Amino acid sequence: MSDNSDANVATADALTLLLHNQHAIGAAIDEFTKWLSENGVGSVAANAIAAMETLDTNAKGITDAIMRIRQS
């Protein structure tokens, strides 16, 4: 049983690192979006906002998965 527990911890830890990367990418896209909006490239900024929304949605799913793994 401990092998499964060790695997769950390793999986949850790896997913947590991926989630942190996802948050960092979202922050970078947010900064880029602000710059695009301020420099009159609204259509590209709108695409960046859509990408950020996808990151947010997926971050929620990753967080839920991490919590399920850590509780098992």
PDB file of N, CA and C in Angstrom:
ATOM      1  N   MET A   1       0.822  -1.199   0.000  1.00  0.00           N
ATOM      2  CA  MET A   1       0.000   0.000   0.000  1.00  0.00           C
ATOM      3  C   MET A   1       0.858   1.250   0.000  1.00  0.00           C
ATOM      4  N   SER A   2       2.028   1.225   0.654  1.00  0.00           N
ATOM      5  CA  SER A   2       2.870   2.414   0.717  1.00  0.00           C
ATOM      6  C   SER A   2       3.387   2.809  -0.656  1.00  0.00           C
ATOM      7  N   ASP A   3       3.576   1.821  -1.564  1.00  0.00           N
ATOM      8  CA  ASP A   3       4.017   2.155  -2.911  1.00  0.00           C
ATOM      9  C   ASP A   3       3.005   3.050  -3.600  1.00  0.00           C
ATOM     10  N   ASN A   4       1.725   2.735  -3.437  1.00  0.00           N
ATOM     11  CA  ASN A   4       0.670   3.551  -4.030  1.00  0.00           C
ATOM     12  C   ASN A   4       0.668   4.939  -3.408  1.00  0.00           C
ATOM     13  N   SER A   5       0.855   5.009  -2.100  1.00  0.00           N
ATOM     14  CA  SER A   5       0.884   6.288  -1.405  1.00  0.00           C
ATOM     15  C   SER A   5       2.062   7.130  -1.879  1.00  0.00           C
ATOM     16  N   ASP A   6       3.226   6.503  -2.030  1.00  0.00           N
ATOM     17  CA  ASP A   6       4.401   7.215  -2.533  1.00  0.00           C
ATOM     18  C   ASP A   6       4.160   7.726  -3.946  1.00  0.00           C
ATOM     19  N   ALA A   7       3.522   6.920  -4.751  1.00  0.00           N
ATOM     20  CA  ALA A   7       3.216   7.325  -6.126  1.00  0.00           C
ATOM     21  C   ALA A   7       2.230   8.485  -6.131  1.00  0.00           C
ATOM     22  N   ASN A   8       1.246   8.433  -5.234  1.00  0.00           N
ATOM     23  CA  ASN A   8       0.281   9.531  -5.156  1.00  0.00           C
ATOM     24  C   ASN A   8       0.952  10.836  -4.749  1.00  0.00           C
ATOM     25  N   VAL A   9       1.854  10.762  -3.782  1.00  0.00           N
ATOM     26  CA  VAL A   9       2.576  11.967  -3.338  1.00  0.00           C
ATOM     27  C   VAL A   9       3.413  12.521  -4.485  1.00  0.00           C
ATOM     28  N   ALA A  10       4.125  11.642  -5.182  1.00  0.00           N
ATOM     29  CA  ALA A  10       4.960  12.081  -6.304  1.00  0.00           C
ATOM     30  C   ALA A  10       4.112  12.693  -7.413  1.00  0.00           C
ATOM     31  N   THR A  11       2.977  12.086  -7.696  1.00  0.00           N
ATOM     32  CA  THR A  11       2.081  12.614  -8.728  1.00  0.00           C
ATOM     33  C   THR A  11       1.529  13.968  -8.320  1.00  0.00           C
ATOM     34  N   ALA A  12       1.075  14.081  -7.087  1.00  0.00           N
ATOM     35  CA  ALA A  12       0.535  15.349  -6.605  1.00  0.00           C
ATOM     36  C   ALA A  12       1.613  16.431  -6.597  1.00  0.00           C
ATOM     37  N   ASP A  13       2.832  16.078  -6.206  1.00  0.00           N
ATOM     38  CA  ASP A  13       3.931  17.040  -6.205  1.00  0.00           C
ATOM     39  C   ASP A  13       4.234  17.527  -7.627  1.00  0.00           C
ATOM     40  N   ALA A  14       4.266  16.600  -8.573  1.00  0.00           N
ATOM     41  CA  ALA A  14       4.526  16.969  -9.966  1.00  0.00           C
ATOM     42  C   ALA A  14       3.412  17.866 -10.514  1.00  0.00           C
ATOM     43  N   LEU A  15       2.167  17.511 -10.210  1.00  0.00           N
ATOM     44  CA  LEU A  15       1.045  18.343 -10.658  1.00  0.00           C
ATOM     45  C   LEU A  15       1.091  19.729 -10.027  1.00  0.00           C
ATOM     46  N   THR A  16       1.528  19.807  -8.782  1.00  0.00           N
ATOM     47  CA  THR A  16       1.640  21.096  -8.106  1.00  0.00           C
ATOM     48  C   THR A  16       2.665  21.978  -8.815  1.00  0.00           C
ATOM     49  N   LEU A  17       3.791  21.389  -9.198  1.00  0.00           N
ATOM     50  CA  LEU A  17       4.794  22.155  -9.935  1.00  0.00           C
ATOM     51  C   LEU A  17       4.250  22.628 -11.281  1.00  0.00           C
ATOM     52  N   LEU A  18       3.519  21.762 -11.967  1.00  0.00           N
ATOM     53  CA  LEU A  18       2.900  22.160 -13.238  1.00  0.00           C
ATOM     54  C   LEU A  18       1.890  23.287 -13.020  1.00  0.00           C
ATOM     55  N   LEU A  19       1.152  23.220 -11.938  1.00  0.00           N
ATOM     56  CA  LEU A  19       0.183  24.269 -11.627  1.00  0.00           C
ATOM     57  C   LEU A  19       0.898  25.595 -11.376  1.00  0.00           C
ATOM     58  N   HIS A  20       2.029  25.552 -10.668  1.00  0.00           N
ATOM     59  CA  HIS A  20       2.807  26.771 -10.442  1.00  0.00           C
ATOM     60  C   HIS A  20       3.297  27.347 -11.765  1.00  0.00           C
ATOM     61  N   ASN A  21       3.741  26.475 -12.669  1.00  0.00           N
ATOM     62  CA  ASN A  21       4.150  26.936 -13.999  1.00  0.00           C
ATOM     63  C   ASN A  21       2.983  27.575 -14.735  1.00  0.00           C
ATOM     64  N   GLN A  22       1.823  26.976 -14.604  1.00  0.00           N
ATOM     65  CA  GLN A  22       0.640  27.500 -15.275  1.00  0.00           C
ATOM     66  C   GLN A  22       0.304  28.894 -14.746  1.00  0.00           C
ATOM     67  N   HIS A  23       0.418  29.100 -13.442  1.00  0.00           N
ATOM     68  CA  HIS A  23       0.168  30.418 -12.866  1.00  0.00           C
ATOM     69  C   HIS A  23       1.185  31.430 -13.378  1.00  0.00           C
ATOM     70  N   ALA A  24       2.436  31.024 -13.502  1.00  0.00           N
ATOM     71  CA  ALA A  24       3.471  31.927 -14.011  1.00  0.00           C
ATOM     72  C   ALA A  24       3.206  32.303 -15.467  1.00  0.00           C
ATOM     73  N   ILE A  25       2.803  31.338 -16.265  1.00  0.00           N
ATOM     74  CA  ILE A  25       2.470  31.614 -17.664  1.00  0.00           C
ATOM     75  C   ILE A  25       1.280  32.570 -17.741  1.00  0.00           C
ATOM     76  N   GLY A  26       0.290  32.344 -16.888  1.00  0.00           N
ATOM     77  CA  GLY A  26      -0.870  33.236 -16.856  1.00  0.00           C
ATOM     78  C   GLY A  26      -0.477  34.659 -16.502  1.00  0.00           C
ATOM     79  N   ALA A  27       0.423  34.817 -15.541  1.00  0.00           N
ATOM     80  CA  ALA A  27       0.881  36.156 -15.163  1.00  0.00           C
ATOM     81  C   ALA A  27       1.620  36.823 -16.313  1.00  0.00           C
ATOM     82  N   ALA A  28       2.432  36.053 -17.023  1.00  0.00           N
ATOM     83  CA  ALA A  28       3.148  36.616 -18.176  1.00  0.00           C
ATOM     84  C   ALA A  28       2.177  37.036 -19.279  1.00  0.00           C
ATOM     85  N   ILE A  29       1.190  36.197 -19.545  1.00  0.00           N
ATOM     86  CA  ILE A  29       0.194  36.539 -20.562  1.00  0.00           C
ATOM     87  C   ILE A  29      -0.585  37.779 -20.135  1.00  0.00           C
ATOM     88  N   ASP A  30      -0.877  37.898 -18.849  1.00  0.00           N
ATOM     89  CA  ASP A  30      -1.587  39.069 -18.345  1.00  0.00           C
ATOM     90  C   ASP A  30      -0.780  40.345 -18.608  1.00  0.00           C
ATOM     91  N   GLU A  31       0.508  40.315 -18.326  1.00  0.00           N
ATOM     92  CA  GLU A  31       1.363  41.482 -18.580  1.00  0.00           C
ATOM     93  C   GLU A  31       1.412  41.803 -20.070  1.00  0.00           C
ATOM     94  N   PHE A  32       1.536  40.783 -20.881  1.00  0.00           N
ATOM     95  CA  PHE A  32       1.574  40.959 -22.323  1.00  0.00           C
ATOM     96  C   PHE A  32       0.255  41.537 -22.833  1.00  0.00           C
ATOM     97  N   THR A  33      -0.851  41.051 -22.280  1.00  0.00           N
ATOM     98  CA  THR A  33      -2.172  41.545 -22.676  1.00  0.00           C
ATOM     99  C   THR A  33      -2.318  43.025 -22.359  1.00  0.00           C
ATOM    100  N   LYS A  34      -1.862  43.423 -21.181  1.00  0.00           N
ATOM    101  CA  LYS A  34      -1.919  44.850 -20.817  1.00  0.00           C
ATOM    102  C   LYS A  34      -1.119  45.689 -21.802  1.00  0.00           C
ATOM    103  N   TRP A  35       0.064  45.215 -22.154  1.00  0.00           N
ATOM    104  CA  TRP A  35       0.899  45.950 -23.099  1.00  0.00           C
ATOM    105  C   TRP A  35       0.222  46.053 -24.458  1.00  0.00           C
ATOM    106  N   LEU A  36      -0.359  44.949 -24.917  1.00  0.00           N
ATOM    107  CA  LEU A  36      -1.056  44.959 -26.206  1.00  0.00           C
ATOM    108  C   LEU A  36      -2.219  45.941 -26.195  1.00  0.00           C
ATOM    109  N   SER A  37      -2.986  45.928 -25.126  1.00  0.00           N
ATOM    110  CA  SER A  37      -4.140  46.832 -25.028  1.00  0.00           C
ATOM    111  C   SER A  37      -3.694  48.288 -25.028  1.00  0.00           C
ATOM    112  N   GLU A  38      -2.621  48.585 -24.318  1.00  0.00           N
ATOM    113  CA  GLU A  38      -2.125  49.957 -24.238  1.00  0.00           C
ATOM    114  C   GLU A  38      -1.518  50.437 -25.546  1.00  0.00           C
ATOM    115  N   ASN A  39      -1.139  49.502 -26.413  1.00  0.00           N
ATOM    116  CA  ASN A  39      -0.494  49.867 -27.671  1.00  0.00           C
ATOM    117  C   ASN A  39      -1.389  49.620 -28.884  1.00  0.00           C
ATOM    118  N   GLY A  40      -2.680  49.581 -28.647  1.00  0.00           N
ATOM    119  CA  GLY A  40      -3.645  49.551 -29.742  1.00  0.00           C
ATOM    120  C   GLY A  40      -3.753  48.252 -30.509  1.00  0.00           C
ATOM    121  N   VAL A  41      -3.431  47.154 -29.903  1.00  0.00           N
ATOM    122  CA  VAL A  41      -3.544  45.867 -30.583  1.00  0.00           C
ATOM    123  C   VAL A  41      -4.630  45.053 -29.871  1.00  0.00           C
ATOM    124  N   GLY A  42      -5.822  45.603 -29.880  1.00  0.00           N
ATOM    125  CA  GLY A  42      -6.933  45.024 -29.130  1.00  0.00           C
ATOM    126  C   GLY A  42      -7.319  43.629 -29.547  1.00  0.00           C
ATOM    127  N   SER A  43      -7.254  43.332 -30.849  1.00  0.00           N
ATOM    128  CA  SER A  43      -7.675  41.996 -31.296  1.00  0.00           C
ATOM    129  C   SER A  43      -6.728  40.917 -30.780  1.00  0.00           C
ATOM    130  N   VAL A  44      -5.441  41.218 -30.739  1.00  0.00           N
ATOM    131  CA  VAL A  44      -4.481  40.261 -30.204  1.00  0.00           C
ATOM    132  C   VAL A  44      -4.653  40.150 -28.693  1.00  0.00           C
ATOM    133  N   ALA A  45      -4.921  41.277 -28.046  1.00  0.00           N
ATOM    134  CA  ALA A  45      -5.158  41.265 -26.602  1.00  0.00           C
ATOM    135  C   ALA A  45      -6.363  40.391 -26.274  1.00  0.00           C
ATOM    136  N   ALA A  46      -7.406  40.462 -27.092  1.00  0.00           N
ATOM    137  CA  ALA A  46      -8.595  39.637 -26.864  1.00  0.00           C
ATOM    138  C   ALA A  46      -8.252  38.148 -26.952  1.00  0.00           C
ATOM    139  N   ASN A  47      -7.392  37.782 -27.877  1.00  0.00           N
ATOM    140  CA  ASN A  47      -6.961  36.386 -27.988  1.00  0.00           C
ATOM    141  C   ASN A  47      -6.165  35.967 -26.758  1.00  0.00           C
ATOM    142  N   ALA A  48      -5.345  36.871 -26.263  1.00  0.00           N
ATOM    143  CA  ALA A  48      -4.556  36.571 -25.061  1.00  0.00           C
ATOM    144  C   ALA A  48      -5.471  36.386 -23.857  1.00  0.00           C
ATOM    145  N   ILE A  49      -6.509  37.193 -23.770  1.00  0.00           N
ATOM    146  CA  ILE A  49      -7.472  37.058 -22.670  1.00  0.00           C
ATOM    147  C   ILE A  49      -8.167  35.705 -22.744  1.00  0.00           C
ATOM    148  N   ALA A  50      -8.508  35.271 -23.945  1.00  0.00           N
ATOM    149  CA  ALA A  50      -9.130  33.953 -24.105  1.00  0.00           C
ATOM    150  C   ALA A  50      -8.172  32.854 -23.653  1.00  0.00           C
ATOM    151  N   ALA A  51      -6.889  33.002 -23.950  1.00  0.00           N
ATOM    152  CA  ALA A  51      -5.902  32.017 -23.506  1.00  0.00           C
ATOM    153  C   ALA A  51      -5.814  31.998 -21.987  1.00  0.00           C
ATOM    154  N   MET A  52      -5.879  33.166 -21.364  1.00  0.00           N
ATOM    155  CA  MET A  52      -5.836  33.242 -19.901  1.00  0.00           C
ATOM    156  C   MET A  52      -7.052  32.568 -19.286  1.00  0.00           C
ATOM    157  N   GLU A  53      -8.206  32.718 -19.910  1.00  0.00           N
ATOM    158  CA  GLU A  53      -9.412  32.073 -19.397  1.00  0.00           C
ATOM    159  C   GLU A  53      -9.262  30.553 -19.441  1.00  0.00           C
ATOM    160  N   THR A  54      -8.641  30.047 -20.500  1.00  0.00           N
ATOM    161  CA  THR A  54      -8.388  28.608 -20.593  1.00  0.00           C
ATOM    162  C   THR A  54      -7.439  28.159 -19.490  1.00  0.00           C
ATOM    163  N   LEU A  55      -6.378  28.938 -19.256  1.00  0.00           N
ATOM    164  CA  LEU A  55      -5.447  28.611 -18.169  1.00  0.00           C
ATOM    165  C   LEU A  55      -6.171  28.574 -16.829  1.00  0.00           C
ATOM    166  N   ASP A  56      -7.045  29.548 -16.586  1.00  0.00           N
ATOM    167  CA  ASP A  56      -7.788  29.587 -15.322  1.00  0.00           C
ATOM    168  C   ASP A  56      -8.684  28.366 -15.163  1.00  0.00           C
ATOM    169  N   THR A  57      -9.385  28.018 -16.229  1.00  0.00           N
ATOM    170  CA  THR A  57     -10.270  26.850 -16.190  1.00  0.00           C
ATOM    171  C   THR A  57      -9.471  25.580 -15.911  1.00  0.00           C
ATOM    172  N   ASN A  58      -8.360  25.428 -16.612  1.00  0.00           N
ATOM    173  CA  ASN A  58      -7.541  24.230 -16.427  1.00  0.00           C
ATOM    174  C   ASN A  58      -6.873  24.214 -15.058  1.00  0.00           C
ATOM    175  N   ALA A  59      -6.508  25.367 -14.533  1.00  0.00           N
ATOM    176  CA  ALA A  59      -5.898  25.425 -13.200  1.00  0.00           C
ATOM    177  C   ALA A  59      -6.865  24.900 -12.157  1.00  0.00           C
ATOM    178  N   LYS A  60      -8.136  25.207 -12.314  1.00  0.00           N
ATOM    179  CA  LYS A  60      -9.149  24.703 -11.382  1.00  0.00           C
ATOM    180  C   LYS A  60      -9.202  23.180 -11.441  1.00  0.00           C
ATOM    181  N   GLY A  61      -9.193  22.626 -12.629  1.00  0.00           N
ATOM    182  CA  GLY A  61      -9.219  21.167 -12.782  1.00  0.00           C
ATOM    183  C   GLY A  61      -7.974  20.506 -12.210  1.00  0.00           C
ATOM    184  N   ILE A  62      -6.816  21.120 -12.426  1.00  0.00           N
ATOM    185  CA  ILE A  62      -5.572  20.578 -11.886  1.00  0.00           C
ATOM    186  C   ILE A  62      -5.597  20.626 -10.363  1.00  0.00           C
ATOM    187  N   THR A  63      -6.058  21.747  -9.815  1.00  0.00           N
ATOM    188  CA  THR A  63      -6.150  21.880  -8.358  1.00  0.00           C
ATOM    189  C   THR A  63      -7.067  20.814  -7.773  1.00  0.00           C
ATOM    190  N   ASP A  64      -8.204  20.591  -8.396  1.00  0.00           N
ATOM    191  CA  ASP A  64      -9.126  19.554  -7.932  1.00  0.00           C
ATOM    192  C   ASP A  64      -8.470  18.176  -7.970  1.00  0.00           C
ATOM    193  N   ALA A  65      -7.738  17.891  -9.034  1.00  0.00           N
ATOM    194  CA  ALA A  65      -7.071  16.595  -9.158  1.00  0.00           C
ATOM    195  C   ALA A  65      -6.007  16.432  -8.079  1.00  0.00           C
ATOM    196  N   ILE A  66      -5.247  17.484  -7.831  1.00  0.00           N
ATOM    197  CA  ILE A  66      -4.226  17.422  -6.784  1.00  0.00           C
ATOM    198  C   ILE A  66      -4.871  17.111  -5.435  1.00  0.00           C
ATOM    199  N   MET A  67      -5.965  17.776  -5.145  1.00  0.00           N
ATOM    200  CA  MET A  67      -6.647  17.552  -3.856  1.00  0.00           C
ATOM    201  C   MET A  67      -7.156  16.112  -3.755  1.00  0.00           C
ATOM    202  N   ARG A  68      -7.716  15.572  -4.833  1.00  0.00           N
ATOM    203  CA  ARG A  68      -8.209  14.177  -4.808  1.00  0.00           C
ATOM    204  C   ARG A  68      -7.059  13.209  -4.587  1.00  0.00           C
ATOM    205  N   ILE A  69      -5.928  13.457  -5.268  1.00  0.00           N
ATOM    206  CA  ILE A  69      -4.778  12.558  -5.126  1.00  0.00           C
ATOM    207  C   ILE A  69      -4.234  12.630  -3.696  1.00  0.00           C
ATOM    208  N   ARG A  70      -4.104  13.831  -3.168  1.00  0.00           N
ATOM    209  CA  ARG A  70      -3.541  13.987  -1.809  1.00  0.00           C
ATOM    210  C   ARG A  70      -4.457  13.375  -0.748  1.00  0.00           C
ATOM    211  N   GLN A  71      -5.761  13.315  -1.015  1.00  0.00           N
ATOM    212  CA  GLN A  71      -6.697  12.762  -0.039  1.00  0.00           C
ATOM    213  C   GLN A  71      -6.801  11.244  -0.145  1.00  0.00           C
ATOM    214  N   SER A  72      -6.301  10.677  -1.228  1.00  0.00           N
ATOM    215  CA  SER A  72      -6.422   9.215  -1.402  1.00  0.00           C
ATOM    216  C   SER A  72      -5.323   8.469  -0.690  1.00  0.00           C
TER     217      SER A  72
END
